[in-house]
Amino acid sequence: MKKSTIDPKTKKALIDYATAVVASAIAMGIALVSSLRPEYAILVGAIAAPAVKWSTKHSKEYGRGAK
């Protein structure tokens, strides 16, 4: 079976996209469960997005994988 290869630039773009999806899902889930007002849901999203990006090891700009 032939192994599929993805170039590093595409792989990083896919990881960044998945990270953004997770962050928005967290914000949307919290807003729906707690019936937050829209401005509070935006605040949760503004905090969740950088927190999720920081938690991934694939982010070399900052976070756990930064040097």
C-alpha atoms as a PDB file:
ATOM      1  CA  MET A   1       0.000   0.000   0.000  1.00  0.00           C
ATOM      2  CA  LYS A   2       1.347   3.402  -0.974  1.00  0.00           C
ATOM      3  CA  LYS A   3       1.785   5.891   1.842  1.00  0.00           C
ATOM      4  CA  SER A   4       0.240   9.288   1.218  1.00  0.00           C
ATOM      5  CA  THR A   5       2.589  12.203   1.730  1.00  0.00           C
ATOM      6  CA  ILE A   6       1.595  15.735   2.589  1.00  0.00           C
ATOM      7  CA  ASP A   7       4.127  18.523   2.306  1.00  0.00           C
ATOM      8  CA  PRO A   8       4.950  20.347   5.571  1.00  0.00           C
ATOM      9  CA  LYS A   9       3.292  23.605   4.513  1.00  0.00           C
ATOM     10  CA  THR A  10      -0.028  21.883   3.788  1.00  0.00           C
ATOM     11  CA  LYS A  11       0.203  19.861   6.988  1.00  0.00           C
ATOM     12  CA  LYS A  12       0.722  23.032   9.051  1.00  0.00           C
ATOM     13  CA  ALA A  13      -2.229  24.707   7.333  1.00  0.00           C
ATOM     14  CA  LEU A  14      -4.462  21.716   8.101  1.00  0.00           C
ATOM     15  CA  ILE A  15      -3.347  21.667  11.745  1.00  0.00           C
ATOM     16  CA  ASP A  16      -3.984  25.415  12.102  1.00  0.00           C
ATOM     17  CA  TYR A  17      -7.431  24.980  10.521  1.00  0.00           C
ATOM     18  CA  ALA A  18      -8.286  22.109  12.873  1.00  0.00           C
ATOM     19  CA  THR A  19      -7.112  24.191  15.832  1.00  0.00           C
ATOM     20  CA  ALA A  20      -9.421  27.029  14.795  1.00  0.00           C
ATOM     21  CA  VAL A  21     -12.329  24.590  14.447  1.00  0.00           C
ATOM     22  CA  VAL A  22     -11.710  23.247  17.960  1.00  0.00           C
ATOM     23  CA  ALA A  23     -11.530  26.754  19.422  1.00  0.00           C
ATOM     24  CA  SER A  24     -14.763  27.833  17.757  1.00  0.00           C
ATOM     25  CA  ALA A  25     -16.484  24.606  18.836  1.00  0.00           C
ATOM     26  CA  ILE A  26     -15.458  25.311  22.436  1.00  0.00           C
ATOM     27  CA  ALA A  27     -16.819  28.847  22.246  1.00  0.00           C
ATOM     28  CA  MET A  28     -20.053  27.760  20.580  1.00  0.00           C
ATOM     29  CA  GLY A  29     -20.570  24.879  22.991  1.00  0.00           C
ATOM     30  CA  ILE A  30     -20.097  27.063  26.049  1.00  0.00           C
ATOM     31  CA  ALA A  31     -22.397  29.722  24.626  1.00  0.00           C
ATOM     32  CA  LEU A  32     -25.155  27.223  23.825  1.00  0.00           C
ATOM     33  CA  VAL A  33     -24.983  25.328  27.093  1.00  0.00           C
ATOM     34  CA  SER A  34     -24.944  28.385  29.302  1.00  0.00           C
ATOM     35  CA  SER A  35     -27.194  30.654  27.196  1.00  0.00           C
ATOM     36  CA  LEU A  36     -24.621  33.433  27.222  1.00  0.00           C
ATOM     37  CA  ARG A  37     -25.254  36.825  25.773  1.00  0.00           C
ATOM     38  CA  PRO A  38     -23.451  37.277  22.420  1.00  0.00           C
ATOM     39  CA  GLU A  39     -20.769  39.614  23.776  1.00  0.00           C
ATOM     40  CA  TYR A  40     -19.809  37.061  26.431  1.00  0.00           C
ATOM     41  CA  ALA A  41     -19.696  34.290  23.824  1.00  0.00           C
ATOM     42  CA  ILE A  42     -17.306  36.433  21.779  1.00  0.00           C
ATOM     43  CA  LEU A  43     -15.151  36.926  24.873  1.00  0.00           C
ATOM     44  CA  VAL A  44     -15.034  33.156  25.450  1.00  0.00           C
ATOM     45  CA  GLY A  45     -14.010  32.660  21.822  1.00  0.00           C
ATOM     46  CA  ALA A  46     -11.320  35.319  22.117  1.00  0.00           C
ATOM     47  CA  ILE A  47      -9.858  33.473  25.094  1.00  0.00           C
ATOM     48  CA  ALA A  48     -10.379  29.918  23.783  1.00  0.00           C
ATOM     49  CA  ALA A  49      -8.699  30.446  20.405  1.00  0.00           C
ATOM     50  CA  PRO A  50      -5.259  31.491  21.720  1.00  0.00           C
ATOM     51  CA  ALA A  51      -5.485  28.916  24.526  1.00  0.00           C
ATOM     52  CA  VAL A  52      -6.069  26.087  22.054  1.00  0.00           C
ATOM     53  CA  LYS A  53      -3.303  27.375  19.767  1.00  0.00           C
ATOM     54  CA  TRP A  54      -0.933  27.587  22.741  1.00  0.00           C
ATOM     55  CA  SER A  55      -1.734  24.027  23.798  1.00  0.00           C
ATOM     56  CA  THR A  56      -0.700  22.432  20.501  1.00  0.00           C
ATOM     57  CA  LYS A  57       2.882  21.261  20.045  1.00  0.00           C
ATOM     58  CA  HIS A  58       2.766  22.084  16.330  1.00  0.00           C
ATOM     59  CA  SER A  59       2.757  25.843  16.878  1.00  0.00           C
ATOM     60  CA  LYS A  60       6.359  27.028  16.564  1.00  0.00           C
ATOM     61  CA  GLU A  61       5.522  30.748  16.827  1.00  0.00           C
ATOM     62  CA  TYR A  62       4.506  30.480  20.475  1.00  0.00           C
ATOM     63  CA  GLY A  63       3.175  27.915  22.874  1.00  0.00           C
ATOM     64  CA  ARG A  64       4.500  24.573  24.010  1.00  0.00           C
ATOM     65  CA  GLY A  65       6.479  23.931  20.816  1.00  0.00           C
ATOM     66  CA  ALA A  66       8.139  27.362  20.668  1.00  0.00           C
ATOM     67  CA  LYS A  67      11.856  27.792  21.075  1.00  0.00           C
END
